[in-house]
């Protein structure tokens, strides 16, 4: 098998896995009690890949209240998934946070 053929097969495999994950994510109920702000740049003049999401409990004043911080780093190695892969999990964690 050539290197190009291997890369093609690997890419097709990850595309199939990603499609199944997207379908699964759509069926998951979103936890109540939390909000998300998406696509926040973490550096000046960020590319679309240099953005993050913030998850926090509802009914808090983000300007005055200190909240626990959970950092979820998507570890797809630029091959699989994106920063929304763990949205439901992060929303759940944020909904449990007590200021």
PDB file of N, CA and C in Angstrom:
ATOM      1  N   UNK A   1       0.844  -1.172   0.000  1.00  0.00           N
ATOM      2  CA  UNK A   1       0.000   0.000   0.000  1.00  0.00           C
ATOM      3  C   UNK A   1       0.893   1.240   0.000  1.00  0.00           C
ATOM      4  N   UNK A   2       0.547   2.168  -0.829  1.00  0.00           N
ATOM      5  CA  UNK A   2       1.333   3.406  -0.902  1.00  0.00           C
ATOM      6  C   UNK A   2       0.990   4.317   0.273  1.00  0.00           C
ATOM      7  N   UNK A   3       1.891   5.244   0.545  1.00  0.00           N
ATOM      8  CA  UNK A   3       1.643   6.211   1.615  1.00  0.00           C
ATOM      9  C   UNK A   3       0.386   7.027   1.332  1.00  0.00           C
ATOM     10  N   UNK A   4       0.198   7.419   0.072  1.00  0.00           N
ATOM     11  CA  UNK A   4      -0.977   8.215  -0.275  1.00  0.00           C
ATOM     12  C   UNK A   4      -2.262   7.428  -0.044  1.00  0.00           C
ATOM     13  N   UNK A   5      -2.248   6.166  -0.395  1.00  0.00           N
ATOM     14  CA  UNK A   5      -3.433   5.318  -0.210  1.00  0.00           C
ATOM     15  C   UNK A   5      -3.723   5.145   1.285  1.00  0.00           C
ATOM     16  N   UNK A   6      -2.681   4.959   2.067  1.00  0.00           N
ATOM     17  CA  UNK A   6      -2.863   4.827   3.508  1.00  0.00           C
ATOM     18  C   UNK A   6      -3.479   6.090   4.100  1.00  0.00           C
ATOM     19  N   UNK A   7      -2.957   7.248   3.731  1.00  0.00           N
ATOM     20  CA  UNK A   7      -3.487   8.522   4.231  1.00  0.00           C
ATOM     21  C   UNK A   7      -4.942   8.686   3.802  1.00  0.00           C
ATOM     22  N   UNK A   8      -5.252   8.305   2.573  1.00  0.00           N
ATOM     23  CA  UNK A   8      -6.626   8.402   2.082  1.00  0.00           C
ATOM     24  C   UNK A   8      -7.557   7.509   2.905  1.00  0.00           C
ATOM     25  N   UNK A   9      -7.146   6.279   3.168  1.00  0.00           N
ATOM     26  CA  UNK A   9      -7.978   5.368   3.957  1.00  0.00           C
ATOM     27  C   UNK A   9      -8.137   5.860   5.395  1.00  0.00           C
ATOM     28  N   UNK A  10      -7.072   6.375   5.963  1.00  0.00           N
ATOM     29  CA  UNK A  10      -7.135   6.902   7.320  1.00  0.00           C
ATOM     30  C   UNK A  10      -8.068   8.114   7.389  1.00  0.00           C
ATOM     31  N   UNK A  11      -7.984   8.988   6.406  1.00  0.00           N
ATOM     32  CA  UNK A  11      -8.857  10.158   6.355  1.00  0.00           C
ATOM     33  C   UNK A  11     -10.317   9.734   6.233  1.00  0.00           C
ATOM     34  N   UNK A  12     -10.603   8.770   5.386  1.00  0.00           N
ATOM     35  CA  UNK A  12     -11.970   8.283   5.221  1.00  0.00           C
ATOM     36  C   UNK A  12     -12.484   7.666   6.525  1.00  0.00           C
ATOM     37  N   UNK A  13     -11.617   6.938   7.220  1.00  0.00           N
ATOM     38  CA  UNK A  13     -12.003   6.334   8.494  1.00  0.00           C
ATOM     39  C   UNK A  13     -12.413   7.417   9.490  1.00  0.00           C
ATOM     40  N   UNK A  14     -11.580   8.450   9.660  1.00  0.00           N
ATOM     41  CA  UNK A  14     -11.882   9.507  10.624  1.00  0.00           C
ATOM     42  C   UNK A  14     -13.114  10.302  10.215  1.00  0.00           C
ATOM     43  N   UNK A  15     -13.369  10.435   8.929  1.00  0.00           N
ATOM     44  CA  UNK A  15     -14.584  11.113   8.482  1.00  0.00           C
ATOM     45  C   UNK A  15     -15.820  10.314   8.883  1.00  0.00           C
ATOM     46  N   UNK A  16     -15.746   8.984   8.764  1.00  0.00           N
ATOM     47  CA  UNK A  16     -16.876   8.139   9.176  1.00  0.00           C
ATOM     48  C   UNK A  16     -17.091   8.222  10.690  1.00  0.00           C
ATOM     49  N   UNK A  17     -16.017   8.188  11.442  1.00  0.00           N
ATOM     50  CA  UNK A  17     -16.119   8.287  12.898  1.00  0.00           C
ATOM     51  C   UNK A  17     -16.709   9.641  13.292  1.00  0.00           C
ATOM     52  N   UNK A  18     -16.243  10.712  12.669  1.00  0.00           N
ATOM     53  CA  UNK A  18     -16.739  12.057  12.982  1.00  0.00           C
ATOM     54  C   UNK A  18     -18.224  12.171  12.662  1.00  0.00           C
ATOM     55  N   UNK A  19     -18.660  11.574  11.560  1.00  0.00           N
ATOM     56  CA  UNK A  19     -20.084  11.625  11.196  1.00  0.00           C
ATOM     57  C   UNK A  19     -20.927  10.915  12.254  1.00  0.00           C
ATOM     58  N   UNK A  20     -20.472   9.753  12.723  1.00  0.00           N
ATOM     59  CA  UNK A  20     -21.211   9.042  13.770  1.00  0.00           C
ATOM     60  C   UNK A  20     -21.248   9.867  15.060  1.00  0.00           C
ATOM     61  N   UNK A  21     -20.138  10.512  15.388  1.00  0.00           N
ATOM     62  CA  UNK A  21     -20.105  11.334  16.594  1.00  0.00           C
ATOM     63  C   UNK A  21     -21.049  12.519  16.487  1.00  0.00           C
ATOM     64  N   UNK A  22     -21.096  13.178  15.334  1.00  0.00           N
ATOM     65  CA  UNK A  22     -22.021  14.300  15.149  1.00  0.00           C
ATOM     66  C   UNK A  22     -23.468  13.841  15.327  1.00  0.00           C
ATOM     67  N   UNK A  23     -23.797  12.668  14.787  1.00  0.00           N
ATOM     68  CA  UNK A  23     -25.155  12.135  14.932  1.00  0.00           C
ATOM     69  C   UNK A  23     -25.453  11.847  16.402  1.00  0.00           C
ATOM     70  N   UNK A  24     -24.483  11.288  17.125  1.00  0.00           N
ATOM     71  CA  UNK A  24     -24.664  10.995  18.544  1.00  0.00           C
ATOM     72  C   UNK A  24     -24.833  12.285  19.341  1.00  0.00           C
ATOM     73  N   UNK A  25     -24.032  13.292  19.039  1.00  0.00           N
ATOM     74  CA  UNK A  25     -24.105  14.563  19.758  1.00  0.00           C
ATOM     75  C   UNK A  25     -25.471  15.220  19.588  1.00  0.00           C
ATOM     76  N   UNK A  26     -26.062  15.103  18.413  1.00  0.00           N
ATOM     77  CA  UNK A  26     -27.367  15.713  18.166  1.00  0.00           C
ATOM     78  C   UNK A  26     -28.466  15.076  19.005  1.00  0.00           C
ATOM     79  N   UNK A  27     -28.290  13.819  19.403  1.00  0.00           N
ATOM     80  CA  UNK A  27     -29.307  13.140  20.200  1.00  0.00           C
ATOM     81  C   UNK A  27     -29.112  13.349  21.694  1.00  0.00           C
ATOM     82  N   UNK A  28     -27.973  13.864  22.116  1.00  0.00           N
ATOM     83  CA  UNK A  28     -27.716  14.075  23.537  1.00  0.00           C
ATOM     84  C   UNK A  28     -28.460  15.314  24.032  1.00  0.00           C
ATOM     85  N   UNK A  29     -29.162  15.178  25.150  1.00  0.00           N
ATOM     86  CA  UNK A  29     -29.802  16.381  25.699  1.00  0.00           C
ATOM     87  C   UNK A  29     -28.735  17.319  26.249  1.00  0.00           C
ATOM     88  N   UNK A  30     -28.937  18.596  26.028  1.00  0.00           N
ATOM     89  CA  UNK A  30     -27.994  19.589  26.545  1.00  0.00           C
ATOM     90  C   UNK A  30     -28.343  19.851  28.013  1.00  0.00           C
ATOM     91  N   UNK A  31     -27.360  19.803  28.894  1.00  0.00           N
ATOM     92  CA  UNK A  31     -27.622  20.056  30.314  1.00  0.00           C
ATOM     93  C   UNK A  31     -28.192  21.455  30.532  1.00  0.00           C
ATOM     94  N   UNK A  32     -29.120  21.547  31.472  1.00  0.00           N
ATOM     95  CA  UNK A  32     -29.703  22.828  31.837  1.00  0.00           C
ATOM     96  C   UNK A  32     -28.822  23.463  32.912  1.00  0.00           C
ATOM     97  N   UNK A  33     -28.960  24.733  33.071  1.00  0.00           N
ATOM     98  CA  UNK A  33     -28.237  25.407  34.151  1.00  0.00           C
ATOM     99  C   UNK A  33     -26.872  25.923  33.761  1.00  0.00           C
ATOM    100  N   UNK A  34     -26.544  25.907  32.471  1.00  0.00           N
ATOM    101  CA  UNK A  34     -25.248  26.419  32.034  1.00  0.00           C
ATOM    102  C   UNK A  34     -25.399  27.102  30.679  1.00  0.00           C
ATOM    103  N   UNK A  35     -24.481  28.000  30.422  1.00  0.00           N
ATOM    104  CA  UNK A  35     -24.443  28.717  29.149  1.00  0.00           C
ATOM    105  C   UNK A  35     -23.064  28.558  28.537  1.00  0.00           C
ATOM    106  N   UNK A  36     -22.977  28.829  27.251  1.00  0.00           N
ATOM    107  CA  UNK A  36     -21.688  28.752  26.562  1.00  0.00           C
ATOM    108  C   UNK A  36     -21.508  29.992  25.694  1.00  0.00           C
ATOM    109  N   UNK A  37     -20.303  30.495  25.677  1.00  0.00           N
ATOM    110  CA  UNK A  37     -19.900  31.525  24.713  1.00  0.00           C
ATOM    111  C   UNK A  37     -18.884  30.844  23.803  1.00  0.00           C
ATOM    112  N   UNK A  38     -19.163  30.846  22.514  1.00  0.00           N
ATOM    113  CA  UNK A  38     -18.315  30.098  21.592  1.00  0.00           C
ATOM    114  C   UNK A  38     -17.395  31.009  20.792  1.00  0.00           C
ATOM    115  N   UNK A  39     -16.378  30.395  20.251  1.00  0.00           N
ATOM    116  CA  UNK A  39     -15.452  31.041  19.312  1.00  0.00           C
ATOM    117  C   UNK A  39     -14.821  32.318  19.858  1.00  0.00           C
ATOM    118  N   UNK A  40     -14.345  32.249  21.085  1.00  0.00           N
ATOM    119  CA  UNK A  40     -13.647  33.383  21.694  1.00  0.00           C
ATOM    120  C   UNK A  40     -12.167  33.283  21.345  1.00  0.00           C
ATOM    121  N   UNK A  41     -11.593  34.271  20.670  1.00  0.00           N
ATOM    122  CA  UNK A  41     -10.175  34.197  20.327  1.00  0.00           C
ATOM    123  C   UNK A  41      -9.314  34.250  21.586  1.00  0.00           C
ATOM    124  N   UNK A  42      -8.276  33.447  21.612  1.00  0.00           N
ATOM    125  CA  UNK A  42      -7.377  33.484  22.765  1.00  0.00           C
ATOM    126  C   UNK A  42      -6.056  34.173  22.456  1.00  0.00           C
ATOM    127  N   UNK A  43      -5.909  34.647  21.227  1.00  0.00           N
ATOM    128  CA  UNK A  43      -4.791  35.519  20.871  1.00  0.00           C
ATOM    129  C   UNK A  43      -5.313  36.589  19.922  1.00  0.00           C
ATOM    130  N   UNK A  44      -4.589  37.696  19.841  1.00  0.00           N
ATOM    131  CA  UNK A  44      -4.989  38.759  18.913  1.00  0.00           C
ATOM    132  C   UNK A  44      -4.892  38.240  17.479  1.00  0.00           C
ATOM    133  N   UNK A  45      -5.798  38.648  16.639  1.00  0.00           N
ATOM    134  CA  UNK A  45      -5.836  38.256  15.230  1.00  0.00           C
ATOM    135  C   UNK A  45      -5.823  36.730  15.079  1.00  0.00           C
ATOM    136  N   UNK A  46      -6.695  36.080  15.829  1.00  0.00           N
ATOM    137  CA  UNK A  46      -6.747  34.622  15.834  1.00  0.00           C
ATOM    138  C   UNK A  46      -7.299  34.073  14.525  1.00  0.00           C
ATOM    139  N   UNK A  47      -6.762  32.943  14.126  1.00  0.00           N
ATOM    140  CA  UNK A  47      -7.339  32.212  13.003  1.00  0.00           C
ATOM    141  C   UNK A  47      -8.564  31.463  13.533  1.00  0.00           C
ATOM    142  N   UNK A  48      -9.380  30.879  12.671  1.00  0.00           N
ATOM    143  CA  UNK A  48     -10.537  30.108  13.152  1.00  0.00           C
ATOM    144  C   UNK A  48     -10.145  28.951  14.070  1.00  0.00           C
ATOM    145  N   UNK A  49      -8.917  28.487  13.985  1.00  0.00           N
ATOM    146  CA  UNK A  49      -8.471  27.381  14.831  1.00  0.00           C
ATOM    147  C   UNK A  49      -7.928  27.852  16.175  1.00  0.00           C
ATOM    148  N   UNK A  50      -7.842  29.154  16.394  1.00  0.00           N
ATOM    149  CA  UNK A  50      -7.276  29.685  17.627  1.00  0.00           C
ATOM    150  C   UNK A  50      -8.356  30.367  18.455  1.00  0.00           C
ATOM    151  N   UNK A  51      -9.413  29.627  18.686  1.00  0.00           N
ATOM    152  CA  UNK A  51     -10.535  30.144  19.464  1.00  0.00           C
ATOM    153  C   UNK A  51     -10.955  29.087  20.477  1.00  0.00           C
ATOM    154  N   UNK A  52     -11.625  29.541  21.520  1.00  0.00           N
ATOM    155  CA  UNK A  52     -12.068  28.620  22.564  1.00  0.00           C
ATOM    156  C   UNK A  52     -13.513  28.911  22.926  1.00  0.00           C
ATOM    157  N   UNK A  53     -14.079  28.024  23.714  1.00  0.00           N
ATOM    158  CA  UNK A  53     -15.446  28.172  24.208  1.00  0.00           C
ATOM    159  C   UNK A  53     -15.393  28.336  25.716  1.00  0.00           C
ATOM    160  N   UNK A  54     -16.275  29.177  26.259  1.00  0.00           N
ATOM    161  CA  UNK A  54     -16.391  29.375  27.698  1.00  0.00           C
ATOM    162  C   UNK A  54     -17.733  28.814  28.155  1.00  0.00           C
ATOM    163  N   UNK A  55     -17.716  28.010  29.203  1.00  0.00           N
ATOM    164  CA  UNK A  55     -18.926  27.418  29.759  1.00  0.00           C
ATOM    165  C   UNK A  55     -19.063  27.923  31.194  1.00  0.00           C
ATOM    166  N   UNK A  56     -20.258  28.372  31.576  1.00  0.00           N
ATOM    167  CA  UNK A  56     -20.436  28.893  32.924  1.00  0.00           C
ATOM    168  C   UNK A  56     -21.877  28.686  33.368  1.00  0.00           C
ATOM    169  N   UNK A  57     -22.091  28.667  34.705  1.00  0.00           N
ATOM    170  CA  UNK A  57     -23.449  28.484  35.218  1.00  0.00           C
ATOM    171  C   UNK A  57     -24.344  29.658  34.841  1.00  0.00           C
ATOM    172  N   UNK A  58     -25.618  29.372  34.677  1.00  0.00           N
ATOM    173  CA  UNK A  58     -26.594  30.449  34.459  1.00  0.00           C
ATOM    174  C   UNK A  58     -26.738  31.244  35.752  1.00  0.00           C
ATOM    175  N   UNK A  59     -27.270  32.423  35.622  1.00  0.00           N
ATOM    176  CA  UNK A  59     -27.613  33.262  36.769  1.00  0.00           C
ATOM    177  C   UNK A  59     -26.412  33.648  37.625  1.00  0.00           C
ATOM    178  N   UNK A  60     -25.285  33.886  37.013  1.00  0.00           N
ATOM    179  CA  UNK A  60     -24.143  34.431  37.743  1.00  0.00           C
ATOM    180  C   UNK A  60     -23.724  35.718  37.057  1.00  0.00           C
ATOM    181  N   UNK A  61     -23.164  36.608  37.827  1.00  0.00           N
ATOM    182  CA  UNK A  61     -22.628  37.839  37.269  1.00  0.00           C
ATOM    183  C   UNK A  61     -21.160  37.586  36.942  1.00  0.00           C
ATOM    184  N   UNK A  62     -20.872  37.461  35.676  1.00  0.00           N
ATOM    185  CA  UNK A  62     -19.513  37.111  35.261  1.00  0.00           C
ATOM    186  C   UNK A  62     -18.509  38.218  35.569  1.00  0.00           C
ATOM    187  N   UNK A  63     -18.992  39.424  35.818  1.00  0.00           N
ATOM    188  CA  UNK A  63     -18.078  40.526  36.119  1.00  0.00           C
ATOM    189  C   UNK A  63     -17.673  40.578  37.584  1.00  0.00           C
ATOM    190  N   UNK A  64     -18.460  39.967  38.467  1.00  0.00           N
ATOM    191  CA  UNK A  64     -18.158  40.097  39.894  1.00  0.00           C
ATOM    192  C   UNK A  64     -17.945  38.776  40.606  1.00  0.00           C
ATOM    193  N   UNK A  65     -18.465  37.692  40.086  1.00  0.00           N
ATOM    194  CA  UNK A  65     -18.364  36.424  40.797  1.00  0.00           C
ATOM    195  C   UNK A  65     -17.167  35.611  40.308  1.00  0.00           C
ATOM    196  N   UNK A  66     -16.473  35.008  41.284  1.00  0.00           N
ATOM    197  CA  UNK A  66     -15.390  34.084  40.944  1.00  0.00           C
ATOM    198  C   UNK A  66     -16.000  32.690  40.795  1.00  0.00           C
ATOM    199  N   UNK A  67     -15.576  31.993  39.770  1.00  0.00           N
ATOM    200  CA  UNK A  67     -16.109  30.664  39.501  1.00  0.00           C
ATOM    201  C   UNK A  67     -14.971  29.658  39.365  1.00  0.00           C
ATOM    202  N   UNK A  68     -15.249  28.398  39.670  1.00  0.00           N
ATOM    203  CA  UNK A  68     -14.247  27.368  39.382  1.00  0.00           C
ATOM    204  C   UNK A  68     -13.968  27.338  37.884  1.00  0.00           C
ATOM    205  N   UNK A  69     -12.786  26.944  37.524  1.00  0.00           N
ATOM    206  CA  UNK A  69     -12.408  26.887  36.107  1.00  0.00           C
ATOM    207  C   UNK A  69     -12.068  25.459  35.730  1.00  0.00           C
ATOM    208  N   UNK A  70     -12.643  25.021  34.647  1.00  0.00           N
ATOM    209  CA  UNK A  70     -12.335  23.710  34.087  1.00  0.00           C
ATOM    210  C   UNK A  70     -11.799  23.953  32.688  1.00  0.00           C
ATOM    211  N   UNK A  71     -10.660  23.396  32.404  1.00  0.00           N
ATOM    212  CA  UNK A  71     -10.054  23.568  31.085  1.00  0.00           C
ATOM    213  C   UNK A  71     -10.184  22.253  30.331  1.00  0.00           C
ATOM    214  N   UNK A  72     -10.871  22.305  29.217  1.00  0.00           N
ATOM    215  CA  UNK A  72     -11.029  21.137  28.353  1.00  0.00           C
ATOM    216  C   UNK A  72     -10.251  21.400  27.077  1.00  0.00           C
ATOM    217  N   UNK A  73      -9.184  20.657  26.895  1.00  0.00           N
ATOM    218  CA  UNK A  73      -8.361  20.828  25.703  1.00  0.00           C
ATOM    219  C   UNK A  73      -8.693  19.701  24.736  1.00  0.00           C
ATOM    220  N   UNK A  74      -9.206  20.089  23.591  1.00  0.00           N
ATOM    221  CA  UNK A  74      -9.515  19.094  22.559  1.00  0.00           C
ATOM    222  C   UNK A  74      -8.209  18.522  22.046  1.00  0.00           C
ATOM    223  N   UNK A  75      -8.061  17.227  22.143  1.00  0.00           N
ATOM    224  CA  UNK A  75      -6.802  16.590  21.764  1.00  0.00           C
ATOM    225  C   UNK A  75      -6.898  15.782  20.483  1.00  0.00           C
ATOM    226  N   UNK A  76      -7.473  16.334  19.459  1.00  0.00           N
ATOM    227  CA  UNK A  76      -7.656  15.592  18.217  1.00  0.00           C
ATOM    228  C   UNK A  76      -6.454  15.550  17.305  1.00  0.00           C
ATOM    229  N   UNK A  77      -5.376  16.201  17.703  1.00  0.00           N
ATOM    230  CA  UNK A  77      -4.156  16.160  16.896  1.00  0.00           C
ATOM    231  C   UNK A  77      -4.345  16.687  15.486  1.00  0.00           C
ATOM    232  N   UNK A  78      -5.267  17.640  15.314  1.00  0.00           N
ATOM    233  CA  UNK A  78      -5.565  18.216  14.000  1.00  0.00           C
ATOM    234  C   UNK A  78      -6.029  17.147  13.011  1.00  0.00           C
ATOM    235  N   UNK A  79      -6.520  16.015  13.546  1.00  0.00           N
ATOM    236  CA  UNK A  79      -6.997  14.939  12.680  1.00  0.00           C
ATOM    237  C   UNK A  79      -8.472  14.653  12.894  1.00  0.00           C
ATOM    238  N   UNK A  80      -8.961  14.923  14.103  1.00  0.00           N
ATOM    239  CA  UNK A  80     -10.316  14.483  14.420  1.00  0.00           C
ATOM    240  C   UNK A  80     -10.994  15.457  15.368  1.00  0.00           C
ATOM    241  N   UNK A  81     -12.250  15.710  15.121  1.00  0.00           N
ATOM    242  CA  UNK A  81     -13.070  16.499  16.020  1.00  0.00           C
ATOM    243  C   UNK A  81     -12.741  17.977  16.000  1.00  0.00           C
ATOM    244  N   UNK A  82     -13.363  18.695  16.937  1.00  0.00           N
ATOM    245  CA  UNK A  82     -13.136  20.128  17.065  1.00  0.00           C
ATOM    246  C   UNK A  82     -13.452  20.538  18.493  1.00  0.00           C
ATOM    247  N   UNK A  83     -13.456  21.836  18.747  1.00  0.00           N
ATOM    248  CA  UNK A  83     -13.655  22.329  20.111  1.00  0.00           C
ATOM    249  C   UNK A  83     -15.079  22.122  20.615  1.00  0.00           C
ATOM    250  N   UNK A  84     -15.980  21.660  19.788  1.00  0.00           N
ATOM    251  CA  UNK A  84     -17.353  21.408  20.221  1.00  0.00           C
ATOM    252  C   UNK A  84     -17.593  19.944  20.569  1.00  0.00           C
ATOM    253  N   UNK A  85     -16.567  19.124  20.445  1.00  0.00           N
ATOM    254  CA  UNK A  85     -16.715  17.687  20.670  1.00  0.00           C
ATOM    255  C   UNK A  85     -17.231  17.376  22.069  1.00  0.00           C
ATOM    256  N   UNK A  86     -16.828  18.138  23.067  1.00  0.00           N
ATOM    257  CA  UNK A  86     -17.220  17.873  24.455  1.00  0.00           C
ATOM    258  C   UNK A  86     -18.215  18.895  24.997  1.00  0.00           C
ATOM    259  N   UNK A  87     -18.995  19.534  24.135  1.00  0.00           N
ATOM    260  CA  UNK A  87     -19.934  20.559  24.585  1.00  0.00           C
ATOM    261  C   UNK A  87     -20.860  20.071  25.698  1.00  0.00           C
ATOM    262  N   UNK A  88     -21.487  18.935  25.522  1.00  0.00           N
ATOM    263  CA  UNK A  88     -22.439  18.446  26.525  1.00  0.00           C
ATOM    264  C   UNK A  88     -21.749  18.221  27.864  1.00  0.00           C
ATOM    265  N   UNK A  89     -20.579  17.632  27.829  1.00  0.00           N
ATOM    266  CA  UNK A  89     -19.815  17.369  29.054  1.00  0.00           C
ATOM    267  C   UNK A  89     -19.432  18.676  29.742  1.00  0.00           C
ATOM    268  N   UNK A  90     -18.939  19.624  28.994  1.00  0.00           N
ATOM    269  CA  UNK A  90     -18.534  20.915  29.572  1.00  0.00           C
ATOM    270  C   UNK A  90     -19.734  21.687  30.119  1.00  0.00           C
ATOM    271  N   UNK A  91     -20.866  21.638  29.422  1.00  0.00           N
ATOM    272  CA  UNK A  91     -22.080  22.277  29.927  1.00  0.00           C
ATOM    273  C   UNK A  91     -22.523  21.636  31.232  1.00  0.00           C
ATOM    274  N   UNK A  92     -22.419  20.325  31.304  1.00  0.00           N
ATOM    275  CA  UNK A  92     -22.774  19.632  32.552  1.00  0.00           C
ATOM    276  C   UNK A  92     -21.873  20.079  33.690  1.00  0.00           C
ATOM    277  N   UNK A  93     -20.564  20.087  33.455  1.00  0.00           N
ATOM    278  CA  UNK A  93     -19.637  20.519  34.505  1.00  0.00           C
ATOM    279  C   UNK A  93     -19.933  21.939  34.955  1.00  0.00           C
ATOM    280  N   UNK A  94     -20.181  22.824  34.004  1.00  0.00           N
ATOM    281  CA  UNK A  94     -20.484  24.220  34.351  1.00  0.00           C
ATOM    282  C   UNK A  94     -21.785  24.328  35.139  1.00  0.00           C
ATOM    283  N   UNK A  95     -22.754  23.500  34.823  1.00  0.00           N
ATOM    284  CA  UNK A  95     -24.035  23.556  35.536  1.00  0.00           C
ATOM    285  C   UNK A  95     -23.892  23.125  36.991  1.00  0.00           C
ATOM    286  N   UNK A  96     -22.825  22.390  37.301  1.00  0.00           N
ATOM    287  CA  UNK A  96     -22.591  21.916  38.664  1.00  0.00           C
ATOM    288  C   UNK A  96     -21.735  22.874  39.486  1.00  0.00           C
ATOM    289  N   UNK A  97     -21.180  23.888  38.861  1.00  0.00           N
ATOM    290  CA  UNK A  97     -20.261  24.820  39.541  1.00  0.00           C
ATOM    291  C   UNK A  97     -21.026  25.672  40.549  1.00  0.00           C
ATOM    292  N   UNK A  98     -20.446  25.810  41.701  1.00  0.00           N
ATOM    293  CA  UNK A  98     -21.016  26.652  42.752  1.00  0.00           C
ATOM    294  C   UNK A  98     -20.091  27.816  43.014  1.00  0.00           C
ATOM    295  N   UNK A  99     -20.547  29.044  42.783  1.00  0.00           N
ATOM    296  CA  UNK A  99     -19.664  30.193  43.054  1.00  0.00           C
ATOM    297  C   UNK A  99     -19.410  30.360  44.547  1.00  0.00           C
TER     298      UNK A  99
END
